PDB file of N, CA and C in Angstrom:
ATOM      1  N   MET A   1      -5.025  88.214  93.116  1.00  0.00           N
ATOM      2  CA  MET A   1      -5.201  89.329  92.196  1.00  0.00           C
ATOM      3  C   MET A   1      -4.028  89.356  91.212  1.00  0.00           C
ATOM      4  N   ALA A   2      -4.343  89.525  89.954  1.00  0.00           N
ATOM      5  CA  ALA A   2      -3.323  89.509  88.910  1.00  0.00           C
ATOM      6  C   ALA A   2      -2.469  90.772  88.953  1.00  0.00           C
ATOM      7  N   SER A   3      -1.181  90.587  88.720  1.00  0.00           N
ATOM      8  CA  SER A   3      -0.276  91.727  88.626  1.00  0.00           C
ATOM      9  C   SER A   3       0.318  91.830  87.224  1.00  0.00           C
ATOM     10  N   LYS A   4      -0.143  90.936  86.343  1.00  0.00           N
ATOM     11  CA  LYS A   4       0.305  90.933  84.953  1.00  0.00           C
ATOM     12  C   LYS A   4      -0.935  90.930  84.066  1.00  0.00           C
ATOM     13  N   VAL A   5      -0.853  91.663  82.950  1.00  0.00           N
ATOM     14  CA  VAL A   5      -2.008  91.765  82.058  1.00  0.00           C
ATOM     15  C   VAL A   5      -1.564  91.655  80.609  1.00  0.00           C
ATOM     16  N   PHE A   6      -2.388  90.964  79.825  1.00  0.00           N
ATOM     17  CA  PHE A   6      -2.197  91.025  78.383  1.00  0.00           C
ATOM     18  C   PHE A   6      -3.461  91.599  77.772  1.00  0.00           C
ATOM     19  N   VAL A   7      -3.241  92.453  76.798  1.00  0.00           N
ATOM     20  CA  VAL A   7      -4.333  93.149  76.129  1.00  0.00           C
ATOM     21  C   VAL A   7      -4.444  92.598  74.714  1.00  0.00           C
ATOM     22  N   VAL A   8      -5.609  92.080  74.379  1.00  0.00           N
ATOM     23  CA  VAL A   8      -5.874  91.601  73.030  1.00  0.00           C
ATOM     24  C   VAL A   8      -6.613  92.698  72.285  1.00  0.00           C
ATOM     25  N   VAL A   9      -6.008  93.163  71.215  1.00  0.00           N
ATOM     26  CA  VAL A   9      -6.656  94.142  70.347  1.00  0.00           C
ATOM     27  C   VAL A   9      -7.107  93.364  69.119  1.00  0.00           C
ATOM     28  N   SER A  10      -8.435  93.261  68.950  1.00  0.00           N
ATOM     29  CA  SER A  10      -8.958  92.473  67.831  1.00  0.00           C
ATOM     30  C   SER A  10      -9.834  93.288  66.884  1.00  0.00           C
ATOM     31  N   SER A  11     -10.305  94.429  67.320  1.00  0.00           N
ATOM     32  CA  SER A  11     -11.215  95.242  66.511  1.00  0.00           C
ATOM     33  C   SER A  11     -10.502  95.851  65.303  1.00  0.00           C
ATOM     34  N   ALA A  12     -11.199  95.874  64.187  1.00  0.00           N
ATOM     35  CA  ALA A  12     -10.680  96.524  62.984  1.00  0.00           C
ATOM     36  C   ALA A  12     -10.854  98.039  63.036  1.00  0.00           C
ATOM     37  N   ASP A  13     -11.510  98.537  64.063  1.00  0.00           N
ATOM     38  CA  ASP A  13     -11.757  99.972  64.224  1.00  0.00           C
ATOM     39  C   ASP A  13     -10.495 100.634  64.785  1.00  0.00           C
ATOM     40  N   ARG A  14      -9.866 101.474  63.990  1.00  0.00           N
ATOM     41  CA  ARG A  14      -8.611 102.115  64.418  1.00  0.00           C
ATOM     42  C   ARG A  14      -8.800 102.963  65.671  1.00  0.00           C
ATOM     43  N   GLU A  15      -9.990 103.542  65.843  1.00  0.00           N
ATOM     44  CA  GLU A  15     -10.247 104.353  67.035  1.00  0.00           C
ATOM     45  C   GLU A  15     -10.231 103.501  68.295  1.00  0.00           C
ATOM     46  N   VAL A  16     -10.686 102.271  68.192  1.00  0.00           N
ATOM     47  CA  VAL A  16     -10.632 101.362  69.340  1.00  0.00           C
ATOM     48  C   VAL A  16      -9.176 101.141  69.734  1.00  0.00           C
ATOM     49  N   ALA A  17      -8.327 100.918  68.749  1.00  0.00           N
ATOM     50  CA  ALA A  17      -6.903 100.722  69.028  1.00  0.00           C
ATOM     51  C   ALA A  17      -6.291 101.981  69.643  1.00  0.00           C
ATOM     52  N   LEU A  18      -6.542 103.118  69.017  1.00  0.00           N
ATOM     53  CA  LEU A  18      -5.892 104.362  69.455  1.00  0.00           C
ATOM     54  C   LEU A  18      -6.444 104.914  70.762  1.00  0.00           C
ATOM     55  N   GLU A  19      -7.737 104.806  70.989  1.00  0.00           N
ATOM     56  CA  GLU A  19      -8.353 105.459  72.147  1.00  0.00           C
ATOM     57  C   GLU A  19      -8.394 104.605  73.401  1.00  0.00           C
ATOM     58  N   VAL A  20      -8.385 103.275  73.254  1.00  0.00           N
ATOM     59  CA  VAL A  20      -8.417 102.423  74.446  1.00  0.00           C
ATOM     60  C   VAL A  20      -7.454 101.245  74.374  1.00  0.00           C
ATOM     61  N   GLY A  21      -7.470 100.529  73.268  1.00  0.00           N
ATOM     62  CA  GLY A  21      -6.697  99.296  73.165  1.00  0.00           C
ATOM     63  C   GLY A  21      -5.210  99.456  73.374  1.00  0.00           C
ATOM     64  N   LEU A  22      -4.662 100.588  72.969  1.00  0.00           N
ATOM     65  CA  LEU A  22      -3.230 100.824  73.144  1.00  0.00           C
ATOM     66  C   LEU A  22      -2.923 101.850  74.233  1.00  0.00           C
ATOM     67  N   VAL A  23      -3.925 102.576  74.679  1.00  0.00           N
ATOM     68  CA  VAL A  23      -3.710 103.565  75.738  1.00  0.00           C
ATOM     69  C   VAL A  23      -3.504 102.880  77.095  1.00  0.00           C
ATOM     70  N   TYR A  24      -4.384 101.928  77.405  1.00  0.00           N
ATOM     71  CA  TYR A  24      -4.241 101.261  78.700  1.00  0.00           C
ATOM     72  C   TYR A  24      -2.882 100.568  78.852  1.00  0.00           C
ATOM     73  N   PRO A  25      -2.447  99.743  77.898  1.00  0.00           N
ATOM     74  CA  PRO A  25      -1.155  99.087  78.113  1.00  0.00           C
ATOM     75  C   PRO A  25       0.020 100.077  78.184  1.00  0.00           C
ATOM     76  N   LEU A  26      -0.062 101.161  77.432  1.00  0.00           N
ATOM     77  CA  LEU A  26       0.988 102.172  77.507  1.00  0.00           C
ATOM     78  C   LEU A  26       1.058 102.755  78.912  1.00  0.00           C
ATOM     79  N   ASN A  27      -0.081 103.164  79.452  1.00  0.00           N
ATOM     80  CA  ASN A  27      -0.099 103.755  80.786  1.00  0.00           C
ATOM     81  C   ASN A  27       0.211 102.737  81.875  1.00  0.00           C
ATOM     82  N   ALA A  28      -0.272 101.509  81.719  1.00  0.00           N
ATOM     83  CA  ALA A  28      -0.004 100.475  82.722  1.00  0.00           C
ATOM     84  C   ALA A  28       1.487 100.219  82.847  1.00  0.00           C
ATOM     85  N   ALA A  29       2.186 100.237  81.720  1.00  0.00           N
ATOM     86  CA  ALA A  29       3.638 100.034  81.743  1.00  0.00           C
ATOM     87  C   ALA A  29       4.364 101.285  82.229  1.00  0.00           C
ATOM     88  N   LYS A  30       3.999 102.435  81.672  1.00  0.00           N
ATOM     89  CA  LYS A  30       4.679 103.689  81.989  1.00  0.00           C
ATOM     90  C   LYS A  30       4.515 104.078  83.459  1.00  0.00           C
ATOM     91  N   LYS A  31       3.328 103.856  84.000  1.00  0.00           N
ATOM     92  CA  LYS A  31       3.022 104.294  85.364  1.00  0.00           C
ATOM     93  C   LYS A  31       3.152 103.181  86.406  1.00  0.00           C
ATOM     94  N   GLY A  32       3.563 102.001  85.949  1.00  0.00           N
ATOM     95  CA  GLY A  32       3.782 100.901  86.873  1.00  0.00           C
ATOM     96  C   GLY A  32       2.527 100.330  87.494  1.00  0.00           C
ATOM     97  N   TRP A  33       1.401 100.437  86.794  1.00  0.00           N
ATOM     98  CA  TRP A  33       0.155  99.893  87.329  1.00  0.00           C
ATOM     99  C   TRP A  33       0.199  98.380  87.422  1.00  0.00           C
ATOM    100  N   MET A  34       0.936  97.755  86.500  1.00  0.00           N
ATOM    101  CA  MET A  34       1.065  96.305  86.471  1.00  0.00           C
ATOM    102  C   MET A  34       2.542  95.945  86.381  1.00  0.00           C
ATOM    103  N   GLU A  35       2.890  94.769  86.911  1.00  0.00           N
ATOM    104  CA  GLU A  35       4.282  94.321  86.865  1.00  0.00           C
ATOM    105  C   GLU A  35       4.743  94.025  85.442  1.00  0.00           C
ATOM    106  N   GLU A  36       3.852  93.443  84.660  1.00  0.00           N
ATOM    107  CA  GLU A  36       4.205  93.088  83.291  1.00  0.00           C
ATOM    108  C   GLU A  36       2.983  93.271  82.398  1.00  0.00           C
ATOM    109  N   VAL A  37       3.235  93.737  81.171  1.00  0.00           N
ATOM    110  CA  VAL A  37       2.167  94.025  80.222  1.00  0.00           C
ATOM    111  C   VAL A  37       2.575  93.479  78.853  1.00  0.00           C
ATOM    112  N   LYS A  38       1.625  92.868  78.168  1.00  0.00           N
ATOM    113  CA  LYS A  38       1.820  92.427  76.790  1.00  0.00           C
ATOM    114  C   LYS A  38       0.633  92.908  75.967  1.00  0.00           C
ATOM    115  N   VAL A  39       0.853  93.118  74.672  1.00  0.00           N
ATOM    116  CA  VAL A  39      -0.206  93.475  73.738  1.00  0.00           C
ATOM    117  C   VAL A  39      -0.213  92.424  72.635  1.00  0.00           C
ATOM    118  N   ILE A  40      -1.411  91.935  72.309  1.00  0.00           N
ATOM    119  CA  ILE A  40      -1.547  90.949  71.245  1.00  0.00           C
ATOM    120  C   ILE A  40      -2.561  91.456  70.233  1.00  0.00           C
ATOM    121  N   PHE A  41      -2.101  91.690  69.004  1.00  0.00           N
ATOM    122  CA  PHE A  41      -3.001  92.004  67.901  1.00  0.00           C
ATOM    123  C   PHE A  41      -3.475  90.676  67.339  1.00  0.00           C
ATOM    124  N   PHE A  42      -4.802  90.558  67.179  1.00  0.00           N
ATOM    125  CA  PHE A  42      -5.365  89.272  66.801  1.00  0.00           C
ATOM    126  C   PHE A  42      -6.507  89.499  65.823  1.00  0.00           C
ATOM    127  N   GLY A  43      -6.349  89.004  64.609  1.00  0.00           N
ATOM    128  CA  GLY A  43      -7.420  89.112  63.622  1.00  0.00           C
ATOM    129  C   GLY A  43      -7.466  90.457  62.920  1.00  0.00           C
ATOM    130  N   PRO A  44      -8.666  91.036  62.767  1.00  0.00           N
ATOM    131  CA  PRO A  44      -8.847  92.250  61.974  1.00  0.00           C
ATOM    132  C   PRO A  44      -7.960  93.426  62.406  1.00  0.00           C
ATOM    133  N   SER A  45      -7.625  93.513  63.669  1.00  0.00           N
ATOM    134  CA  SER A  45      -6.785  94.620  64.144  1.00  0.00           C
ATOM    135  C   SER A  45      -5.386  94.583  63.540  1.00  0.00           C
ATOM    136  N   GLU A  46      -4.973  93.439  63.086  1.00  0.00           N
ATOM    137  CA  GLU A  46      -3.635  93.325  62.505  1.00  0.00           C
ATOM    138  C   GLU A  46      -3.502  94.176  61.245  1.00  0.00           C
ATOM    139  N   LYS A  47      -4.585  94.292  60.476  1.00  0.00           N
ATOM    140  CA  LYS A  47      -4.552  95.160  59.289  1.00  0.00           C
ATOM    141  C   LYS A  47      -4.345  96.616  59.703  1.00  0.00           C
ATOM    142  N   VAL A  48      -4.987  97.011  60.781  1.00  0.00           N
ATOM    143  CA  VAL A  48      -4.829  98.382  61.281  1.00  0.00           C
ATOM    144  C   VAL A  48      -3.380  98.604  61.710  1.00  0.00           C
ATOM    145  N   ALA A  49      -2.832  97.667  62.461  1.00  0.00           N
ATOM    146  CA  ALA A  49      -1.449  97.798  62.937  1.00  0.00           C
ATOM    147  C   ALA A  49      -0.452  97.819  61.779  1.00  0.00           C
ATOM    148  N   ALA A  50      -0.748  97.077  60.739  1.00  0.00           N
ATOM    149  CA  ALA A  50       0.160  96.995  59.595  1.00  0.00           C
ATOM    150  C   ALA A  50       0.117  98.227  58.705  1.00  0.00           C
ATOM    151  N   ASN A  51      -1.008  98.938  58.699  1.00  0.00           N
ATOM    152  CA  ASN A  51      -1.207  99.975  57.691  1.00  0.00           C
ATOM    153  C   ASN A  51      -1.448 101.391  58.210  1.00  0.00           C
ATOM    154  N   ASP A  52      -1.584 101.592  59.509  1.00  0.00           N
ATOM    155  CA  ASP A  52      -1.929 102.910  60.046  1.00  0.00           C
ATOM    156  C   ASP A  52      -0.720 103.518  60.763  1.00  0.00           C
ATOM    157  N   ALA A  53      -0.238 104.640  60.244  1.00  0.00           N
ATOM    158  CA  ALA A  53       0.963 105.277  60.795  1.00  0.00           C
ATOM    159  C   ALA A  53       0.779 105.723  62.244  1.00  0.00           C
ATOM    160  N   GLU A  54      -0.396 106.211  62.584  1.00  0.00           N
ATOM    161  CA  GLU A  54      -0.641 106.681  63.949  1.00  0.00           C
ATOM    162  C   GLU A  54      -0.656 105.505  64.935  1.00  0.00           C
ATOM    163  N   VAL A  55      -1.248 104.402  64.532  1.00  0.00           N
ATOM    164  CA  VAL A  55      -1.239 103.202  65.371  1.00  0.00           C
ATOM    165  C   VAL A  55       0.203 102.702  65.528  1.00  0.00           C
ATOM    166  N   GLN A  56       0.957 102.726  64.454  1.00  0.00           N
ATOM    167  CA  GLN A  56       2.355 102.287  64.527  1.00  0.00           C
ATOM    168  C   GLN A  56       3.183 103.184  65.446  1.00  0.00           C
ATOM    169  N   ALA A  57       2.896 104.477  65.460  1.00  0.00           N
ATOM    170  CA  ALA A  57       3.602 105.393  66.370  1.00  0.00           C
ATOM    171  C   ALA A  57       3.290 105.046  67.822  1.00  0.00           C
ATOM    172  N   ARG A  58       2.043 104.715  68.114  1.00  0.00           N
ATOM    173  CA  ARG A  58       1.654 104.323  69.466  1.00  0.00           C
ATOM    174  C   ARG A  58       2.330 103.001  69.849  1.00  0.00           C
ATOM    175  N   ILE A  59       2.430 102.090  68.895  1.00  0.00           N
ATOM    176  CA  ILE A  59       3.115 100.823  69.147  1.00  0.00           C
ATOM    177  C   ILE A  59       4.571 101.073  69.518  1.00  0.00           C
ATOM    178  N   LYS A  60       5.209 101.987  68.828  1.00  0.00           N
ATOM    179  CA  LYS A  60       6.610 102.315  69.147  1.00  0.00           C
ATOM    180  C   LYS A  60       6.738 102.864  70.569  1.00  0.00           C
ATOM    181  N   GLU A  61       5.785 103.688  70.993  1.00  0.00           N
ATOM    182  CA  GLU A  61       5.779 104.190  72.372  1.00  0.00           C
ATOM    183  C   GLU A  61       5.662 103.035  73.364  1.00  0.00           C
ATOM    184  N   ILE A  62       4.796 102.107  73.053  1.00  0.00           N
ATOM    185  CA  ILE A  62       4.585 100.955  73.934  1.00  0.00           C
ATOM    186  C   ILE A  62       5.841 100.096  73.990  1.00  0.00           C
ATOM    187  N   LEU A  63       6.434  99.840  72.845  1.00  0.00           N
ATOM    188  CA  LEU A  63       7.670  99.055  72.806  1.00  0.00           C
ATOM    189  C   LEU A  63       8.774  99.730  73.620  1.00  0.00           C
ATOM    190  N   ALA A  64       8.830 101.057  73.564  1.00  0.00           N
ATOM    191  CA  ALA A  64       9.840 101.811  74.316  1.00  0.00           C
ATOM    192  C   ALA A  64       9.672 101.657  75.826  1.00  0.00           C
ATOM    193  N   GLN A  65       8.475 101.282  76.260  1.00  0.00           N
ATOM    194  CA  GLN A  65       8.211 101.057  77.690  1.00  0.00           C
ATOM    195  C   GLN A  65       8.520  99.614  78.096  1.00  0.00           C
ATOM    196  N   GLY A  66       9.035  98.823  77.172  1.00  0.00           N
ATOM    197  CA  GLY A  66       9.403  97.445  77.479  1.00  0.00           C
ATOM    198  C   GLY A  66       8.265  96.449  77.356  1.00  0.00           C
ATOM    199  N   VAL A  67       7.181  96.859  76.726  1.00  0.00           N
ATOM    200  CA  VAL A  67       6.032  95.972  76.539  1.00  0.00           C
ATOM    201  C   VAL A  67       6.266  95.112  75.299  1.00  0.00           C
ATOM    202  N   GLU A  68       6.032  93.820  75.428  1.00  0.00           N
ATOM    203  CA  GLU A  68       6.112  92.923  74.282  1.00  0.00           C
ATOM    204  C   GLU A  68       4.832  93.065  73.475  1.00  0.00           C
ATOM    205  N   VAL A  69       4.982  93.273  72.167  1.00  0.00           N
ATOM    206  CA  VAL A  69       3.838  93.422  71.276  1.00  0.00           C
ATOM    207  C   VAL A  69       3.890  92.289  70.258  1.00  0.00           C
ATOM    208  N   LEU A  70       2.807  91.509  70.235  1.00  0.00           N
ATOM    209  CA  LEU A  70       2.729  90.333  69.387  1.00  0.00           C
ATOM    210  C   LEU A  70       1.580  90.456  68.402  1.00  0.00           C
ATOM    211  N   ALA A  71       1.654  89.695  67.324  1.00  0.00           N
ATOM    212  CA  ALA A  71       0.532  89.554  66.404  1.00  0.00           C
ATOM    213  C   ALA A  71       0.450  88.090  65.992  1.00  0.00           C
ATOM    214  N   CYS A  72      -0.740  87.665  65.651  1.00  0.00           N
ATOM    215  CA  CYS A  72      -0.972  86.277  65.270  1.00  0.00           C
ATOM    216  C   CYS A  72      -0.404  85.997  63.872  1.00  0.00           C
ATOM    217  N   LYS A  73       0.522  85.060  63.816  1.00  0.00           N
ATOM    218  CA  LYS A  73       1.143  84.703  62.544  1.00  0.00           C
ATOM    219  C   LYS A  73       0.145  84.062  61.588  1.00  0.00           C
ATOM    220  N   TRP A  74      -0.725  83.213  62.093  1.00  0.00           N
ATOM    221  CA  TRP A  74      -1.701  82.552  61.226  1.00  0.00           C
ATOM    222  C   TRP A  74      -2.549  83.600  60.510  1.00  0.00           C
ATOM    223  N   CYS A  75      -3.047  84.579  61.271  1.00  0.00           N
ATOM    224  CA  CYS A  75      -3.869  85.641  60.682  1.00  0.00           C
ATOM    225  C   CYS A  75      -3.046  86.504  59.730  1.00  0.00           C
ATOM    226  N   ALA A  76      -1.869  86.920  60.175  1.00  0.00           N
ATOM    227  CA  ALA A  76      -1.031  87.809  59.371  1.00  0.00           C
ATOM    228  C   ALA A  76      -0.640  87.161  58.046  1.00  0.00           C
ATOM    229  N   ASP A  77      -0.274  85.882  58.087  1.00  0.00           N
ATOM    230  CA  ASP A  77       0.083  85.188  56.851  1.00  0.00           C
ATOM    231  C   ASP A  77      -1.110  85.121  55.902  1.00  0.00           C
ATOM    232  N   ARG A  78      -2.293  84.841  56.430  1.00  0.00           N
ATOM    233  CA  ARG A  78      -3.497  84.760  55.598  1.00  0.00           C
ATOM    234  C   ARG A  78      -3.820  86.109  54.957  1.00  0.00           C
ATOM    235  N   MET A  79      -3.509  87.210  55.673  1.00  0.00           N
ATOM    236  CA  MET A  79      -3.803  88.543  55.141  1.00  0.00           C
ATOM    237  C   MET A  79      -2.642  89.123  54.333  1.00  0.00           C
ATOM    238  N   GLY A  80      -1.507  88.427  54.326  1.00  0.00           N
ATOM    239  CA  GLY A  80      -0.345  88.891  53.571  1.00  0.00           C
ATOM    240  C   GLY A  80       0.330  90.119  54.159  1.00  0.00           C
ATOM    241  N   ILE A  81       0.295  90.258  55.492  1.00  0.00           N
ATOM    242  CA  ILE A  81       0.838  91.470  56.129  1.00  0.00           C
ATOM    243  C   ILE A  81       1.944  91.178  57.149  1.00  0.00           C
ATOM    244  N   THR A  82       2.462  89.972  57.154  1.00  0.00           N
ATOM    245  CA  THR A  82       3.471  89.588  58.143  1.00  0.00           C
ATOM    246  C   THR A  82       4.670  90.531  58.121  1.00  0.00           C
ATOM    247  N   LYS A  83       5.212  90.794  56.956  1.00  0.00           N
ATOM    248  CA  LYS A  83       6.405  91.652  56.859  1.00  0.00           C
ATOM    249  C   LYS A  83       6.128  93.084  57.318  1.00  0.00           C
ATOM    250  N   LYS A  84       4.944  93.605  57.030  1.00  0.00           N
ATOM    251  CA  LYS A  84       4.574  94.952  57.478  1.00  0.00           C
ATOM    252  C   LYS A  84       4.511  95.018  59.000  1.00  0.00           C
ATOM    253  N   LEU A  85       3.935  93.988  59.614  1.00  0.00           N
ATOM    254  CA  LEU A  85       3.858  93.957  61.077  1.00  0.00           C
ATOM    255  C   LEU A  85       5.251  93.880  61.695  1.00  0.00           C
ATOM    256  N   GLU A  86       6.091  93.038  61.138  1.00  0.00           N
ATOM    257  CA  GLU A  86       7.461  92.917  61.644  1.00  0.00           C
ATOM    258  C   GLU A  86       8.219  94.233  61.488  1.00  0.00           C
ATOM    259  N   ALA A  87       7.994  94.930  60.377  1.00  0.00           N
ATOM    260  CA  ALA A  87       8.651  96.221  60.155  1.00  0.00           C
ATOM    261  C   ALA A  87       8.210  97.258  61.179  1.00  0.00           C
ATOM    262  N   ALA A  88       7.001  97.078  61.730  1.00  0.00           N
ATOM    263  CA  ALA A  88       6.493  97.991  62.757  1.00  0.00           C
ATOM    264  C   ALA A  88       6.997  97.619  64.150  1.00  0.00           C
ATOM    265  N   GLY A  89       7.828  96.586  64.236  1.00  0.00           N
ATOM    266  CA  GLY A  89       8.399  96.194  65.522  1.00  0.00           C
ATOM    267  C   GLY A  89       7.589  95.142  66.262  1.00  0.00           C
ATOM    268  N   ILE A  90       6.600  94.587  65.610  1.00  0.00           N
ATOM    269  CA  ILE A  90       5.721  93.598  66.229  1.00  0.00           C
ATOM    270  C   ILE A  90       6.285  92.203  66.002  1.00  0.00           C
ATOM    271  N   LYS A  91       6.276  91.406  67.050  1.00  0.00           N
ATOM    272  CA  LYS A  91       6.728  90.017  66.973  1.00  0.00           C
ATOM    273  C   LYS A  91       5.556  89.185  66.448  1.00  0.00           C
ATOM    274  N   VAL A  92       5.709  88.583  65.273  1.00  0.00           N
ATOM    275  CA  VAL A  92       4.638  87.822  64.644  1.00  0.00           C
ATOM    276  C   VAL A  92       4.851  86.334  64.941  1.00  0.00           C
ATOM    277  N   VAL A  93       3.952  85.779  65.731  1.00  0.00           N
ATOM    278  CA  VAL A  93       4.053  84.384  66.179  1.00  0.00           C
ATOM    279  C   VAL A  93       2.657  83.775  66.265  1.00  0.00           C
ATOM    280  N   TYR A  94       2.606  82.466  66.391  1.00  0.00           N
ATOM    281  CA  TYR A  94       1.323  81.812  66.634  1.00  0.00           C
ATOM    282  C   TYR A  94       0.932  82.096  68.081  1.00  0.00           C
ATOM    283  N   VAL A  95      -0.176  82.774  68.303  1.00  0.00           N
ATOM    284  CA  VAL A  95      -0.510  83.270  69.638  1.00  0.00           C
ATOM    285  C   VAL A  95      -1.480  82.404  70.428  1.00  0.00           C
ATOM    286  N   GLY A  96      -2.102  81.420  69.793  1.00  0.00           N
ATOM    287  CA  GLY A  96      -3.079  80.604  70.504  1.00  0.00           C
ATOM    288  C   GLY A  96      -2.520  79.958  71.756  1.00  0.00           C
ATOM    289  N   SER A  97      -1.379  79.304  71.631  1.00  0.00           N
ATOM    290  CA  SER A  97      -0.782  78.644  72.797  1.00  0.00           C
ATOM    291  C   SER A  97      -0.238  79.669  73.792  1.00  0.00           C
ATOM    292  N   ILE A  98       0.229  80.799  73.292  1.00  0.00           N
ATOM    293  CA  ILE A  98       0.741  81.853  74.183  1.00  0.00           C
ATOM    294  C   ILE A  98      -0.391  82.388  75.048  1.00  0.00           C
ATOM    295  N   ILE A  99      -1.531  82.680  74.442  1.00  0.00           N
ATOM    296  CA  ILE A  99      -2.685  83.167  75.202  1.00  0.00           C
ATOM    297  C   ILE A  99      -3.097  82.128  76.242  1.00  0.00           C
ATOM    298  N   SER A 100      -3.163  80.875  75.839  1.00  0.00           N
ATOM    299  CA  SER A 100      -3.537  79.806  76.769  1.00  0.00           C
ATOM    300  C   SER A 100      -2.572  79.723  77.946  1.00  0.00           C
ATOM    301  N   ASP A 101      -1.277  79.803  77.670  1.00  0.00           N
ATOM    302  CA  ASP A 101      -0.280  79.743  78.742  1.00  0.00           C
ATOM    303  C   ASP A 101      -0.398  80.932  79.683  1.00  0.00           C
ATOM    304  N   LEU A 102      -0.603  82.127  79.137  1.00  0.00           N
ATOM    305  CA  LEU A 102      -0.740  83.308  79.982  1.00  0.00           C
ATOM    306  C   LEU A 102      -1.935  83.170  80.923  1.00  0.00           C
ATOM    307  N   LEU A 103      -3.037  82.675  80.395  1.00  0.00           N
ATOM    308  CA  LEU A 103      -4.218  82.473  81.236  1.00  0.00           C
ATOM    309  C   LEU A 103      -3.942  81.443  82.329  1.00  0.00           C
ATOM    310  N   LYS A 104      -3.280  80.356  81.978  1.00  0.00           N
ATOM    311  CA  LYS A 104      -2.944  79.319  82.965  1.00  0.00           C
ATOM    312  C   LYS A 104      -2.018  79.858  84.052  1.00  0.00           C
ATOM    313  N   GLU A 105      -1.175  80.824  83.673  1.00  0.00           N
ATOM    314  CA  GLU A 105      -0.235  81.426  84.624  1.00  0.00           C
ATOM    315  C   GLU A 105      -0.881  82.512  85.480  1.00  0.00           C
ATOM    316  N   GLY A 106      -2.157  82.788  85.267  1.00  0.00           N
ATOM    317  CA  GLY A 106      -2.863  83.741  86.097  1.00  0.00           C
ATOM    318  C   GLY A 106      -2.855  85.182  85.611  1.00  0.00           C
ATOM    319  N   TRP A 107      -2.419  85.414  84.386  1.00  0.00           N
ATOM    320  CA  TRP A 107      -2.447  86.761  83.831  1.00  0.00           C
ATOM    321  C   TRP A 107      -3.900  87.204  83.646  1.00  0.00           C
ATOM    322  N   ALA A 108      -4.148  88.483  83.888  1.00  0.00           N
ATOM    323  CA  ALA A 108      -5.442  89.077  83.567  1.00  0.00           C
ATOM    324  C   ALA A 108      -5.457  89.384  82.071  1.00  0.00           C
ATOM    325  N   SER A 109      -6.647  89.378  81.490  1.00  0.00           N
ATOM    326  CA  SER A 109      -6.748  89.712  80.072  1.00  0.00           C
ATOM    327  C   SER A 109      -7.801  90.788  79.858  1.00  0.00           C
ATOM    328  N   LEU A 110      -7.527  91.647  78.914  1.00  0.00           N
ATOM    329  CA  LEU A 110      -8.462  92.674  78.462  1.00  0.00           C
ATOM    330  C   LEU A 110      -8.572  92.538  76.953  1.00  0.00           C
ATOM    331  N   THR A 111      -9.757  92.715  76.410  1.00  0.00           N
ATOM    332  CA  THR A 111      -9.944  92.606  74.970  1.00  0.00           C
ATOM    333  C   THR A 111     -10.654  93.852  74.461  1.00  0.00           C
ATOM    334  N   PHE A 112     -10.083  94.417  73.408  1.00  0.00           N
ATOM    335  CA  PHE A 112     -10.662  95.602  72.773  1.00  0.00           C
ATOM    336  C   PHE A 112     -10.855  95.314  71.290  1.00  0.00           C
TER     337      PHE A 112
END
């Protein structure tokens, strides 16, 4: 059974991010449900993370709990939002190999 989880937020719907995609990782970290938690913004959700103040506030809460928050550099560069994501405290990197490694290491994944 996995004790580590990474959450992929890919939906462009801000409500998905605010109501589920970022709530679970925040609570999992805050309440100790999982040993380690990561959040990965991937694709359309990156625009939401870059431009929505409420989503950015939730990201700051998650970061304060010690959760690593990543975004896909390939996507962010194509959308011209890399600097905005970095300003929000998000680590912008190529995530394909990271996701693959996490899966190989036995991490559970959730996608919203």
